[in-house]
Amino acid sequence: QLQLVESGGGLVQPGGSLRLSCAASGSILSVPFVAWYRQAPGKQRELVASITGRTDPSYADSVKGRFTISRDNAKNTIYLQMNSLKSNDTAVYYCHAAQLPRRYWGQGTQVTVSS
């Protein structure tokens, strides 16, 4: 059973950057799927970025070229580097890990992009 804890959210101006971290309570070495989702007010949760096995990361079109997902298995941590932030990136960001049939979610971290 993994527990995921996100950090790094906050208030940032448009065009700014943030790096989100997701610390797992145990090893993620054998966890094949890790991802970041987000949910804006009044909207459904959406997949932002993911890594499956050893394949290249995948990104939503809306963040491609601006966000980078990575994982550090030695530190049991998943990252989301967010650059050139826009107001419509404002949302609660959730870390997710899947080792089927088990799925794990963090509690979420708020990202607000506003001047």
PDB file of N, CA and C in Angstrom:
ATOM      1  N   GLN A   1       0.846  -1.188   0.000  1.00  0.00           N
ATOM      2  CA  GLN A   1       0.000   0.000   0.000  1.00  0.00           C
ATOM      3  C   GLN A   1       0.886   1.244   0.000  1.00  0.00           C
ATOM      4  N   LEU A   2       0.721   2.077  -1.021  1.00  0.00           N
ATOM      5  CA  LEU A   2       1.509   3.295  -1.114  1.00  0.00           C
ATOM      6  C   LEU A   2       0.690   4.495  -0.664  1.00  0.00           C
ATOM      7  N   GLN A   3       1.356   5.410   0.001  1.00  0.00           N
ATOM      8  CA  GLN A   3       0.764   6.726   0.257  1.00  0.00           C
ATOM      9  C   GLN A   3       1.549   7.746  -0.543  1.00  0.00           C
ATOM     10  N   LEU A   4       0.817   8.655  -1.187  1.00  0.00           N
ATOM     11  CA  LEU A   4       1.437   9.669  -2.016  1.00  0.00           C
ATOM     12  C   LEU A   4       1.156  11.038  -1.423  1.00  0.00           C
ATOM     13  N   VAL A   5       2.187  11.854  -1.318  1.00  0.00           N
ATOM     14  CA  VAL A   5       2.036  13.193  -0.748  1.00  0.00           C
ATOM     15  C   VAL A   5       2.628  14.211  -1.715  1.00  0.00           C
ATOM     16  N   GLU A   6       1.765  15.089  -2.227  1.00  0.00           N
ATOM     17  CA  GLU A   6       2.218  16.126  -3.146  1.00  0.00           C
ATOM     18  C   GLU A   6       2.688  17.363  -2.391  1.00  0.00           C
ATOM     19  N   SER A   7       3.566  18.102  -3.023  1.00  0.00           N
ATOM     20  CA  SER A   7       4.012  19.385  -2.495  1.00  0.00           C
ATOM     21  C   SER A   7       4.466  20.250  -3.660  1.00  0.00           C
ATOM     22  N   GLY A   8       4.649  21.544  -3.387  1.00  0.00           N
ATOM     23  CA  GLY A   8       5.182  22.438  -4.403  1.00  0.00           C
ATOM     24  C   GLY A   8       4.163  23.349  -5.061  1.00  0.00           C
ATOM     25  N   GLY A   9       2.897  23.184  -4.725  1.00  0.00           N
ATOM     26  CA  GLY A   9       1.890  24.058  -5.299  1.00  0.00           C
ATOM     27  C   GLY A   9       1.965  25.450  -4.699  1.00  0.00           C
ATOM     28  N   GLY A  10       1.173  26.365  -5.271  1.00  0.00           N
ATOM     29  CA  GLY A  10       1.153  27.715  -4.750  1.00  0.00           C
ATOM     30  C   GLY A  10       0.616  28.694  -5.759  1.00  0.00           C
ATOM     31  N   LEU A  11       0.851  29.967  -5.475  1.00  0.00           N
ATOM     32  CA  LEU A  11       0.417  31.052  -6.346  1.00  0.00           C
ATOM     33  C   LEU A  11       1.596  31.521  -7.187  1.00  0.00           C
ATOM     34  N   VAL A  12       1.370  31.623  -8.491  1.00  0.00           N
ATOM     35  CA  VAL A  12       2.434  32.043  -9.394  1.00  0.00           C
ATOM     36  C   VAL A  12       1.830  32.946 -10.460  1.00  0.00           C
ATOM     37  N   GLN A  13       2.618  33.881 -10.963  1.00  0.00           N
ATOM     38  CA  GLN A  13       2.136  34.782 -12.014  1.00  0.00           C
ATOM     39  C   GLN A  13       2.162  34.079 -13.369  1.00  0.00           C
ATOM     40  N   PRO A  14       1.334  34.520 -14.285  1.00  0.00           N
ATOM     41  CA  PRO A  14       1.386  33.960 -15.645  1.00  0.00           C
ATOM     42  C   PRO A  14       2.799  34.065 -16.218  1.00  0.00           C
ATOM     43  N   GLY A  15       3.226  32.988 -16.857  1.00  0.00           N
ATOM     44  CA  GLY A  15       4.579  32.920 -17.392  1.00  0.00           C
ATOM     45  C   GLY A  15       5.593  32.346 -16.435  1.00  0.00           C
ATOM     46  N   GLY A  16       5.197  32.161 -15.185  1.00  0.00           N
ATOM     47  CA  GLY A  16       6.100  31.632 -14.182  1.00  0.00           C
ATOM     48  C   GLY A  16       6.212  30.126 -14.208  1.00  0.00           C
ATOM     49  N   SER A  17       6.978  29.593 -13.250  1.00  0.00           N
ATOM     50  CA  SER A  17       7.240  28.155 -13.181  1.00  0.00           C
ATOM     51  C   SER A  17       7.002  27.638 -11.772  1.00  0.00           C
ATOM     52  N   LEU A  18       6.650  26.384 -11.691  1.00  0.00           N
ATOM     53  CA  LEU A  18       6.557  25.654 -10.426  1.00  0.00           C
ATOM     54  C   LEU A  18       7.021  24.231 -10.681  1.00  0.00           C
ATOM     55  N   ARG A  19       7.541  23.607  -9.625  1.00  0.00           N
ATOM     56  CA  ARG A  19       7.846  22.187  -9.698  1.00  0.00           C
ATOM     57  C   ARG A  19       7.072  21.474  -8.600  1.00  0.00           C
ATOM     58  N   LEU A  20       6.223  20.572  -9.005  1.00  0.00           N
ATOM     59  CA  LEU A  20       5.485  19.749  -8.064  1.00  0.00           C
ATOM     60  C   LEU A  20       6.266  18.473  -7.775  1.00  0.00           C
ATOM     61  N   SER A  21       6.185  18.038  -6.523  1.00  0.00           N
ATOM     62  CA  SER A  21       6.810  16.775  -6.131  1.00  0.00           C
ATOM     63  C   SER A  21       5.750  15.872  -5.524  1.00  0.00           C
ATOM     64  N   CYS A  22       5.939  14.584  -5.697  1.00  0.00           N
ATOM     65  CA  CYS A  22       5.033  13.583  -5.134  1.00  0.00           C
ATOM     66  C   CYS A  22       5.907  12.525  -4.476  1.00  0.00           C
ATOM     67  N   ALA A  23       5.906  12.525  -3.157  1.00  0.00           N
ATOM     68  CA  ALA A  23       6.724  11.577  -2.406  1.00  0.00           C
ATOM     69  C   ALA A  23       5.901  10.346  -2.055  1.00  0.00           C
ATOM     70  N   ALA A  24       6.416   9.192  -2.411  1.00  0.00           N
ATOM     71  CA  ALA A  24       5.741   7.936  -2.094  1.00  0.00           C
ATOM     72  C   ALA A  24       6.278   7.353  -0.792  1.00  0.00           C
ATOM     73  N   SER A  25       5.406   6.663  -0.072  1.00  0.00           N
ATOM     74  CA  SER A  25       5.798   6.109   1.231  1.00  0.00           C
ATOM     75  C   SER A  25       6.623   4.844   1.102  1.00  0.00           C
ATOM     76  N   GLY A  26       6.671   4.287  -0.105  1.00  0.00           N
ATOM     77  CA  GLY A  26       7.440   3.078  -0.341  1.00  0.00           C
ATOM     78  C   GLY A  26       8.083   3.119  -1.713  1.00  0.00           C
ATOM     79  N   SER A  27       8.653   2.015  -2.095  1.00  0.00           N
ATOM     80  CA  SER A  27       9.356   1.959  -3.367  1.00  0.00           C
ATOM     81  C   SER A  27       8.404   2.071  -4.548  1.00  0.00           C
ATOM     82  N   ILE A  28       8.797   2.863  -5.537  1.00  0.00           N
ATOM     83  CA  ILE A  28       8.013   2.955  -6.772  1.00  0.00           C
ATOM     84  C   ILE A  28       8.739   2.256  -7.922  1.00  0.00           C
ATOM     85  N   LEU A  29       9.811   1.550  -7.590  1.00  0.00           N
ATOM     86  CA  LEU A  29      10.627   0.922  -8.628  1.00  0.00           C
ATOM     87  C   LEU A  29       9.804  -0.009  -9.501  1.00  0.00           C
ATOM     88  N   SER A  30       8.888  -0.751  -8.890  1.00  0.00           N
ATOM     89  CA  SER A  30       8.098  -1.723  -9.643  1.00  0.00           C
ATOM     90  C   SER A  30       6.722  -1.205 -10.028  1.00  0.00           C
ATOM     91  N   VAL A  31       6.503   0.092  -9.857  1.00  0.00           N
ATOM     92  CA  VAL A  31       5.216   0.694 -10.223  1.00  0.00           C
ATOM     93  C   VAL A  31       5.306   1.143 -11.668  1.00  0.00           C
ATOM     94  N   PRO A  32       4.556   0.494 -12.575  1.00  0.00           N
ATOM     95  CA  PRO A  32       4.749   0.785 -13.990  1.00  0.00           C
ATOM     96  C   PRO A  32       4.148   2.104 -14.476  1.00  0.00           C
ATOM     97  N   PHE A  33       3.111   2.584 -13.814  1.00  0.00           N
ATOM     98  CA  PHE A  33       2.415   3.759 -14.317  1.00  0.00           C
ATOM     99  C   PHE A  33       2.369   4.835 -13.250  1.00  0.00           C
ATOM    100  N   VAL A  34       2.911   6.002 -13.582  1.00  0.00           N
ATOM    101  CA  VAL A  34       2.803   7.162 -12.698  1.00  0.00           C
ATOM    102  C   VAL A  34       2.312   8.333 -13.523  1.00  0.00           C
ATOM    103  N   ALA A  35       1.574   9.228 -12.885  1.00  0.00           N
ATOM    104  CA  ALA A  35       0.954  10.304 -13.651  1.00  0.00           C
ATOM    105  C   ALA A  35       0.601  11.483 -12.755  1.00  0.00           C
ATOM    106  N   TRP A  36       0.341  12.592 -13.395  1.00  0.00           N
ATOM    107  CA  TRP A  36      -0.232  13.774 -12.763  1.00  0.00           C
ATOM    108  C   TRP A  36      -1.562  14.070 -13.451  1.00  0.00           C
ATOM    109  N   TYR A  37      -2.576  14.307 -12.632  1.00  0.00           N
ATOM    110  CA  TYR A  37      -3.880  14.737 -13.086  1.00  0.00           C
ATOM    111  C   TYR A  37      -4.145  16.118 -12.495  1.00  0.00           C
ATOM    112  N   ARG A  38      -5.144  16.793 -13.036  1.00  0.00           N
ATOM    113  CA  ARG A  38      -5.577  18.052 -12.433  1.00  0.00           C
ATOM    114  C   ARG A  38      -7.091  18.195 -12.557  1.00  0.00           C
ATOM    115  N   GLN A  39      -7.626  18.982 -11.642  1.00  0.00           N
ATOM    116  CA  GLN A  39      -9.063  19.245 -11.661  1.00  0.00           C
ATOM    117  C   GLN A  39      -9.301  20.716 -11.351  1.00  0.00           C
ATOM    118  N   ALA A  40      -9.851  21.404 -12.325  1.00  0.00           N
ATOM    119  CA  ALA A  40     -10.202  22.812 -12.153  1.00  0.00           C
ATOM    120  C   ALA A  40     -11.631  22.905 -11.623  1.00  0.00           C
ATOM    121  N   PRO A  41     -11.986  24.024 -10.993  1.00  0.00           N
ATOM    122  CA  PRO A  41     -13.344  24.169 -10.449  1.00  0.00           C
ATOM    123  C   PRO A  41     -14.399  23.966 -11.535  1.00  0.00           C
ATOM    124  N   GLY A  42     -15.371  23.109 -11.236  1.00  0.00           N
ATOM    125  CA  GLY A  42     -16.464  22.875 -12.161  1.00  0.00           C
ATOM    126  C   GLY A  42     -16.130  21.988 -13.339  1.00  0.00           C
ATOM    127  N   LYS A  43     -14.918  21.422 -13.339  1.00  0.00           N
ATOM    128  CA  LYS A  43     -14.510  20.583 -14.459  1.00  0.00           C
ATOM    129  C   LYS A  43     -14.144  19.185 -13.969  1.00  0.00           C
ATOM    130  N   GLN A  44     -14.097  18.253 -14.912  1.00  0.00           N
ATOM    131  CA  GLN A  44     -13.700  16.887 -14.573  1.00  0.00           C
ATOM    132  C   GLN A  44     -12.187  16.805 -14.420  1.00  0.00           C
ATOM    133  N   ARG A  45     -11.763  15.823 -13.654  1.00  0.00           N
ATOM    134  CA  ARG A  45     -10.330  15.573 -13.502  1.00  0.00           C
ATOM    135  C   ARG A  45      -9.775  15.127 -14.851  1.00  0.00           C
ATOM    136  N   GLU A  46      -8.616  15.666 -15.221  1.00  0.00           N
ATOM    137  CA  GLU A  46      -8.028  15.324 -16.509  1.00  0.00           C
ATOM    138  C   GLU A  46      -6.574  14.888 -16.340  1.00  0.00           C
ATOM    139  N   LEU A  47      -6.148  14.006 -17.228  1.00  0.00           N
ATOM    140  CA  LEU A  47      -4.769  13.527 -17.233  1.00  0.00           C
ATOM    141  C   LEU A  47      -3.884  14.606 -17.835  1.00  0.00           C
ATOM    142  N   VAL A  48      -2.831  14.962 -17.130  1.00  0.00           N
ATOM    143  CA  VAL A  48      -1.907  15.993 -17.582  1.00  0.00           C
ATOM    144  C   VAL A  48      -0.661  15.367 -18.203  1.00  0.00           C
ATOM    145  N   ALA A  49      -0.072  14.413 -17.499  1.00  0.00           N
ATOM    146  CA  ALA A  49       1.172  13.807 -17.964  1.00  0.00           C
ATOM    147  C   ALA A  49       1.320  12.439 -17.324  1.00  0.00           C
ATOM    148  N   SER A  50       1.975  11.526 -18.026  1.00  0.00           N
ATOM    149  CA  SER A  50       2.137  10.178 -17.479  1.00  0.00           C
ATOM    150  C   SER A  50       3.405   9.536 -18.016  1.00  0.00           C
ATOM    151  N   ILE A  51       3.871   8.546 -17.262  1.00  0.00           N
ATOM    152  CA  ILE A  51       4.980   7.700 -17.700  1.00  0.00           C
ATOM    153  C   ILE A  51       4.512   6.264 -17.529  1.00  0.00           C
ATOM    154  N   THR A  52       4.628   5.481 -18.589  1.00  0.00           N
ATOM    155  CA  THR A  52       4.260   4.064 -18.550  1.00  0.00           C
ATOM    156  C   THR A  52       5.500   3.235 -18.824  1.00  0.00           C
ATOM    157  N   GLY A  53       5.905   2.491 -17.828  1.00  0.00           N
ATOM    158  CA  GLY A  53       7.085   1.643 -17.982  1.00  0.00           C
ATOM    159  C   GLY A  53       8.293   2.457 -18.380  1.00  0.00           C
ATOM    160  N   ARG A  54       8.954   2.001 -19.433  1.00  0.00           N
ATOM    161  CA  ARG A  54      10.142   2.694 -19.927  1.00  0.00           C
ATOM    162  C   ARG A  54       9.860   3.476 -21.200  1.00  0.00           C
ATOM    163  N   THR A  55       8.576   3.681 -21.491  1.00  0.00           N
ATOM    164  CA  THR A  55       8.234   4.444 -22.697  1.00  0.00           C
ATOM    165  C   THR A  55       8.423   5.928 -22.453  1.00  0.00           C
ATOM    166  N   ASP A  56       8.387   6.688 -23.531  1.00  0.00           N
ATOM    167  CA  ASP A  56       8.495   8.136 -23.409  1.00  0.00           C
ATOM    168  C   ASP A  56       7.276   8.684 -22.682  1.00  0.00           C
ATOM    169  N   PRO A  57       7.448   9.761 -21.940  1.00  0.00           N
ATOM    170  CA  PRO A  57       6.301  10.371 -21.271  1.00  0.00           C
ATOM    171  C   PRO A  57       5.247  10.831 -22.268  1.00  0.00           C
ATOM    172  N   SER A  58       4.025  10.886 -21.759  1.00  0.00           N
ATOM    173  CA  SER A  58       2.911  11.344 -22.582  1.00  0.00           C
ATOM    174  C   SER A  58       2.297  12.573 -21.933  1.00  0.00           C
ATOM    175  N   TYR A  59       1.836  13.515 -22.761  1.00  0.00           N
ATOM    176  CA  TYR A  59       1.312  14.779 -22.246  1.00  0.00           C
ATOM    177  C   TYR A  59      -0.009  15.141 -22.908  1.00  0.00           C
ATOM    178  N   ALA A  60      -0.848  15.838 -22.143  1.00  0.00           N
ATOM    179  CA  ALA A  60      -2.035  16.430 -22.730  1.00  0.00           C
ATOM    180  C   ALA A  60      -1.595  17.522 -23.701  1.00  0.00           C
ATOM    181  N   ASP A  61      -2.348  17.700 -24.761  1.00  0.00           N
ATOM    182  CA  ASP A  61      -1.996  18.714 -25.758  1.00  0.00           C
ATOM    183  C   ASP A  61      -1.859  20.103 -25.137  1.00  0.00           C
ATOM    184  N   SER A  62      -2.658  20.376 -24.135  1.00  0.00           N
ATOM    185  CA  SER A  62      -2.684  21.707 -23.536  1.00  0.00           C
ATOM    186  C   SER A  62      -1.401  22.046 -22.776  1.00  0.00           C
ATOM    187  N   VAL A  63      -0.603  21.036 -22.417  1.00  0.00           N
ATOM    188  CA  VAL A  63       0.619  21.295 -21.634  1.00  0.00           C
ATOM    189  C   VAL A  63       1.884  20.876 -22.375  1.00  0.00           C
ATOM    190  N   LYS A  64       1.728  20.281 -23.546  1.00  0.00           N
ATOM    191  CA  LYS A  64       2.883  19.784 -24.293  1.00  0.00           C
ATOM    192  C   LYS A  64       3.856  20.919 -24.583  1.00  0.00           C
ATOM    193  N   GLY A  65       5.125  20.667 -24.314  1.00  0.00           N
ATOM    194  CA  GLY A  65       6.154  21.681 -24.533  1.00  0.00           C
ATOM    195  C   GLY A  65       6.361  22.611 -23.349  1.00  0.00           C
ATOM    196  N   ARG A  66       5.454  22.540 -22.373  1.00  0.00           N
ATOM    197  CA  ARG A  66       5.580  23.413 -21.191  1.00  0.00           C
ATOM    198  C   ARG A  66       5.810  22.621 -19.907  1.00  0.00           C
ATOM    199  N   PHE A  67       5.239  21.429 -19.823  1.00  0.00           N
ATOM    200  CA  PHE A  67       5.347  20.599 -18.620  1.00  0.00           C
ATOM    201  C   PHE A  67       6.253  19.409 -18.891  1.00  0.00           C
ATOM    202  N   THR A  68       6.944  18.967 -17.834  1.00  0.00           N
ATOM    203  CA  THR A  68       7.786  17.777 -17.937  1.00  0.00           C
ATOM    204  C   THR A  68       7.566  16.897 -16.716  1.00  0.00           C
ATOM    205  N   ILE A  69       7.203  15.642 -16.958  1.00  0.00           N
ATOM    206  CA  ILE A  69       7.055  14.675 -15.876  1.00  0.00           C
ATOM    207  C   ILE A  69       8.316  13.838 -15.784  1.00  0.00           C
ATOM    208  N   SER A  70       8.701  13.513 -14.565  1.00  0.00           N
ATOM    209  CA  SER A  70       9.864  12.649 -14.380  1.00  0.00           C
ATOM    210  C   SER A  70       9.680  11.853 -13.093  1.00  0.00           C
ATOM    211  N   ARG A  71      10.483  10.820 -12.948  1.00  0.00           N
ATOM    212  CA  ARG A  71      10.438  10.011 -11.741  1.00  0.00           C
ATOM    213  C   ARG A  71      11.857   9.700 -11.298  1.00  0.00           C
ATOM    214  N   ASP A  72      12.059   9.692  -9.997  1.00  0.00           N
ATOM    215  CA  ASP A  72      13.336   9.319  -9.408  1.00  0.00           C
ATOM    216  C   ASP A  72      13.067   8.116  -8.523  1.00  0.00           C
ATOM    217  N   ASN A  73      13.338   6.938  -9.044  1.00  0.00           N
ATOM    218  CA  ASN A  73      13.038   5.713  -8.297  1.00  0.00           C
ATOM    219  C   ASN A  73      13.874   5.607  -7.021  1.00  0.00           C
ATOM    220  N   ALA A  74      15.076   6.152  -7.045  1.00  0.00           N
ATOM    221  CA  ALA A  74      15.933   6.088  -5.858  1.00  0.00           C
ATOM    222  C   ALA A  74      15.359   6.911  -4.708  1.00  0.00           C
ATOM    223  N   LYS A  75      14.656   7.986  -5.060  1.00  0.00           N
ATOM    224  CA  LYS A  75      14.054   8.851  -4.040  1.00  0.00           C
ATOM    225  C   LYS A  75      12.565   8.580  -3.870  1.00  0.00           C
ATOM    226  N   ASN A  76      12.023   7.643  -4.629  1.00  0.00           N
ATOM    227  CA  ASN A  76      10.587   7.327  -4.567  1.00  0.00           C
ATOM    228  C   ASN A  76       9.743   8.578  -4.760  1.00  0.00           C
ATOM    229  N   THR A  77      10.104   9.363  -5.747  1.00  0.00           N
ATOM    230  CA  THR A  77       9.459  10.650  -5.967  1.00  0.00           C
ATOM    231  C   THR A  77       9.141  10.844  -7.448  1.00  0.00           C
ATOM    232  N   ILE A  78       7.984  11.449  -7.685  1.00  0.00           N
ATOM    233  CA  ILE A  78       7.535  11.789  -9.034  1.00  0.00           C
ATOM    234  C   ILE A  78       7.453  13.311  -9.109  1.00  0.00           C
ATOM    235  N   TYR A  79       7.898  13.866 -10.208  1.00  0.00           N
ATOM    236  CA  TYR A  79       7.942  15.321 -10.343  1.00  0.00           C
ATOM    237  C   TYR A  79       7.097  15.787 -11.532  1.00  0.00           C
ATOM    238  N   LEU A  80       6.683  17.039 -11.434  1.00  0.00           N
ATOM    239  CA  LEU A  80       6.066  17.703 -12.582  1.00  0.00           C
ATOM    240  C   LEU A  80       6.633  19.119 -12.639  1.00  0.00           C
ATOM    241  N   GLN A  81       7.494  19.356 -13.613  1.00  0.00           N
ATOM    242  CA  GLN A  81       8.039  20.691 -13.832  1.00  0.00           C
ATOM    243  C   GLN A  81       7.082  21.432 -14.762  1.00  0.00           C
ATOM    244  N   MET A  82       6.619  22.588 -14.315  1.00  0.00           N
ATOM    245  CA  MET A  82       5.634  23.357 -15.076  1.00  0.00           C
ATOM    246  C   MET A  82       6.219  24.722 -15.401  1.00  0.00           C
ATOM    247  N   ASN A  83       6.368  24.996 -16.669  1.00  0.00           N
ATOM    248  CA  ASN A  83       6.910  26.278 -17.136  1.00  0.00           C
ATOM    249  C   ASN A  83       5.862  27.021 -17.957  1.00  0.00           C
ATOM    250  N   SER A  84       6.100  28.302 -18.152  1.00  0.00           N
ATOM    251  CA  SER A  84       5.201  29.148 -18.960  1.00  0.00           C
ATOM    252  C   SER A  84       3.747  28.950 -18.543  1.00  0.00           C
ATOM    253  N   LEU A  85       3.518  29.051 -17.259  1.00  0.00           N
ATOM    254  CA  LEU A  85       2.187  28.777 -16.729  1.00  0.00           C
ATOM    255  C   LEU A  85       1.180  29.814 -17.199  1.00  0.00           C
ATOM    256  N   LYS A  86      -0.050  29.322 -17.411  1.00  0.00           N
ATOM    257  CA  LYS A  86      -1.145  30.158 -17.873  1.00  0.00           C
ATOM    258  C   LYS A  86      -2.272  30.126 -16.836  1.00  0.00           C
ATOM    259  N   SER A  87      -3.174  31.090 -16.947  1.00  0.00           N
ATOM    260  CA  SER A  87      -4.265  31.148 -15.972  1.00  0.00           C
ATOM    261  C   SER A  87      -5.127  29.889 -16.013  1.00  0.00           C
ATOM    262  N   ASN A  88      -5.257  29.287 -17.198  1.00  0.00           N
ATOM    263  CA  ASN A  88      -6.087  28.082 -17.271  1.00  0.00           C
ATOM    264  C   ASN A  88      -5.367  26.819 -16.817  1.00  0.00           C
ATOM    265  N   ASP A  89      -4.152  26.973 -16.299  1.00  0.00           N
ATOM    266  CA  ASP A  89      -3.489  25.857 -15.615  1.00  0.00           C
ATOM    267  C   ASP A  89      -3.909  25.798 -14.145  1.00  0.00           C
ATOM    268  N   THR A  90      -4.647  26.788 -13.704  1.00  0.00           N
ATOM    269  CA  THR A  90      -5.111  26.809 -12.320  1.00  0.00           C
ATOM    270  C   THR A  90      -5.992  25.603 -12.031  1.00  0.00           C
ATOM    271  N   ALA A  91      -5.620  24.845 -11.014  1.00  0.00           N
ATOM    272  CA  ALA A  91      -6.341  23.612 -10.677  1.00  0.00           C
ATOM    273  C   ALA A  91      -5.713  22.989  -9.444  1.00  0.00           C
ATOM    274  N   VAL A  92      -6.371  21.965  -8.934  1.00  0.00           N
ATOM    275  CA  VAL A  92      -5.748  21.095  -7.938  1.00  0.00           C
ATOM    276  C   VAL A  92      -5.053  19.969  -8.713  1.00  0.00           C
ATOM    277  N   TYR A  93      -3.797  19.763  -8.421  1.00  0.00           N
ATOM    278  CA  TYR A  93      -2.998  18.753  -9.120  1.00  0.00           C
ATOM    279  C   TYR A  93      -2.831  17.528  -8.228  1.00  0.00           C
ATOM    280  N   TYR A  94      -3.090  16.363  -8.822  1.00  0.00           N
ATOM    281  CA  TYR A  94      -3.051  15.105  -8.090  1.00  0.00           C
ATOM    282  C   TYR A  94      -1.998  14.170  -8.685  1.00  0.00           C
ATOM    283  N   CYS A  95      -1.267  13.550  -7.816  1.00  0.00           N
ATOM    284  CA  CYS A  95      -0.321  12.515  -8.204  1.00  0.00           C
ATOM    285  C   CYS A  95      -1.042  11.167  -8.209  1.00  0.00           C
ATOM    286  N   HIS A  96      -0.696  10.313  -9.157  1.00  0.00           N
ATOM    287  CA  HIS A  96      -1.342   9.016  -9.283  1.00  0.00           C
ATOM    288  C   HIS A  96      -0.308   7.954  -9.633  1.00  0.00           C
ATOM    289  N   ALA A  97      -0.462   6.794  -9.013  1.00  0.00           N
ATOM    290  CA  ALA A  97       0.390   5.655  -9.335  1.00  0.00           C
ATOM    291  C   ALA A  97      -0.486   4.418  -9.455  1.00  0.00           C
ATOM    292  N   ALA A  98      -0.164   3.577 -10.415  1.00  0.00           N
ATOM    293  CA  ALA A  98      -0.972   2.380 -10.632  1.00  0.00           C
ATOM    294  C   ALA A  98      -0.086   1.160 -10.779  1.00  0.00           C
ATOM    295  N   GLN A  99      -0.383   0.181  -9.972  1.00  0.00           N
ATOM    296  CA  GLN A  99       0.252  -1.133 -10.052  1.00  0.00           C
ATOM    297  C   GLN A  99      -0.914  -2.100  -9.976  1.00  0.00           C
ATOM    298  N   LEU A 100      -1.554  -2.288 -11.139  1.00  0.00           N
ATOM    299  CA  LEU A 100      -2.849  -2.952 -11.180  1.00  0.00           C
ATOM    300  C   LEU A 100      -2.833  -4.278 -10.447  1.00  0.00           C
ATOM    301  N   PRO A 101      -3.909  -4.523  -9.684  1.00  0.00           N
ATOM    302  CA  PRO A 101      -5.167  -3.777  -9.636  1.00  0.00           C
ATOM    303  C   PRO A 101      -5.158  -2.581  -8.683  1.00  0.00           C
ATOM    304  N   ARG A 102      -4.022  -2.303  -8.064  1.00  0.00           N
ATOM    305  CA  ARG A 102      -3.988  -1.214  -7.093  1.00  0.00           C
ATOM    306  C   ARG A 102      -3.769   0.122  -7.793  1.00  0.00           C
ATOM    307  N   ARG A 103      -4.511   1.120  -7.314  1.00  0.00           N
ATOM    308  CA  ARG A 103      -4.344   2.503  -7.774  1.00  0.00           C
ATOM    309  C   ARG A 103      -4.211   3.396  -6.564  1.00  0.00           C
ATOM    310  N   TYR A 104      -3.315   4.350  -6.646  1.00  0.00           N
ATOM    311  CA  TYR A 104      -3.042   5.224  -5.512  1.00  0.00           C
ATOM    312  C   TYR A 104      -3.165   6.679  -5.946  1.00  0.00           C
ATOM    313  N   TRP A 105      -3.688   7.497  -5.042  1.00  0.00           N
ATOM    314  CA  TRP A 105      -3.845   8.932  -5.288  1.00  0.00           C
ATOM    315  C   TRP A 105      -3.290   9.727  -4.115  1.00  0.00           C
ATOM    316  N   GLY A 106      -2.721  10.874  -4.441  1.00  0.00           N
ATOM    317  CA  GLY A 106      -2.358  11.822  -3.403  1.00  0.00           C
ATOM    318  C   GLY A 106      -3.552  12.682  -3.037  1.00  0.00           C
ATOM    319  N   GLN A 107      -3.348  13.570  -2.079  1.00  0.00           N
ATOM    320  CA  GLN A 107      -4.439  14.408  -1.593  1.00  0.00           C
ATOM    321  C   GLN A 107      -4.623  15.654  -2.449  1.00  0.00           C
ATOM    322  N   GLY A 108      -3.677  15.947  -3.300  1.00  0.00           N
ATOM    323  CA  GLY A 108      -3.772  17.100  -4.179  1.00  0.00           C
ATOM    324  C   GLY A 108      -3.039  18.318  -3.646  1.00  0.00           C
ATOM    325  N   THR A 109      -2.571  19.136  -4.571  1.00  0.00           N
ATOM    326  CA  THR A 109      -1.928  20.402  -4.217  1.00  0.00           C
ATOM    327  C   THR A 109      -2.461  21.487  -5.149  1.00  0.00           C
ATOM    328  N   GLN A 110      -2.794  22.635  -4.583  1.00  0.00           N
ATOM    329  CA  GLN A 110      -3.412  23.709  -5.345  1.00  0.00           C
ATOM    330  C   GLN A 110      -2.357  24.498  -6.105  1.00  0.00           C
ATOM    331  N   VAL A 111      -2.613  24.713  -7.389  1.00  0.00           N
ATOM    332  CA  VAL A 111      -1.800  25.599  -8.220  1.00  0.00           C
ATOM    333  C   VAL A 111      -2.709  26.712  -8.723  1.00  0.00           C
ATOM    334  N   THR A 112      -2.331  27.931  -8.418  1.00  0.00           N
ATOM    335  CA  THR A 112      -3.103  29.095  -8.865  1.00  0.00           C
ATOM    336  C   THR A 112      -2.200  30.001  -9.681  1.00  0.00           C
ATOM    337  N   VAL A 113      -2.622  30.272 -10.911  1.00  0.00           N
ATOM    338  CA  VAL A 113      -1.853  31.137 -11.808  1.00  0.00           C
ATOM    339  C   VAL A 113      -2.649  32.425 -11.979  1.00  0.00           C
ATOM    340  N   SER A 114      -2.110  33.500 -11.429  1.00  0.00           N
ATOM    341  CA  SER A 114      -2.840  34.767 -11.437  1.00  0.00           C
ATOM    342  C   SER A 114      -1.878  35.919 -11.219  1.00  0.00           C
ATOM    343  N   SER A 115      -2.211  37.046 -11.840  1.00  0.00           N
ATOM    344  CA  SER A 115      -1.405  38.246 -11.612  1.00  0.00           C
ATOM    345  C   SER A 115      -1.993  39.081 -10.479  1.00  0.00           C
TER     346      SER A 115
END
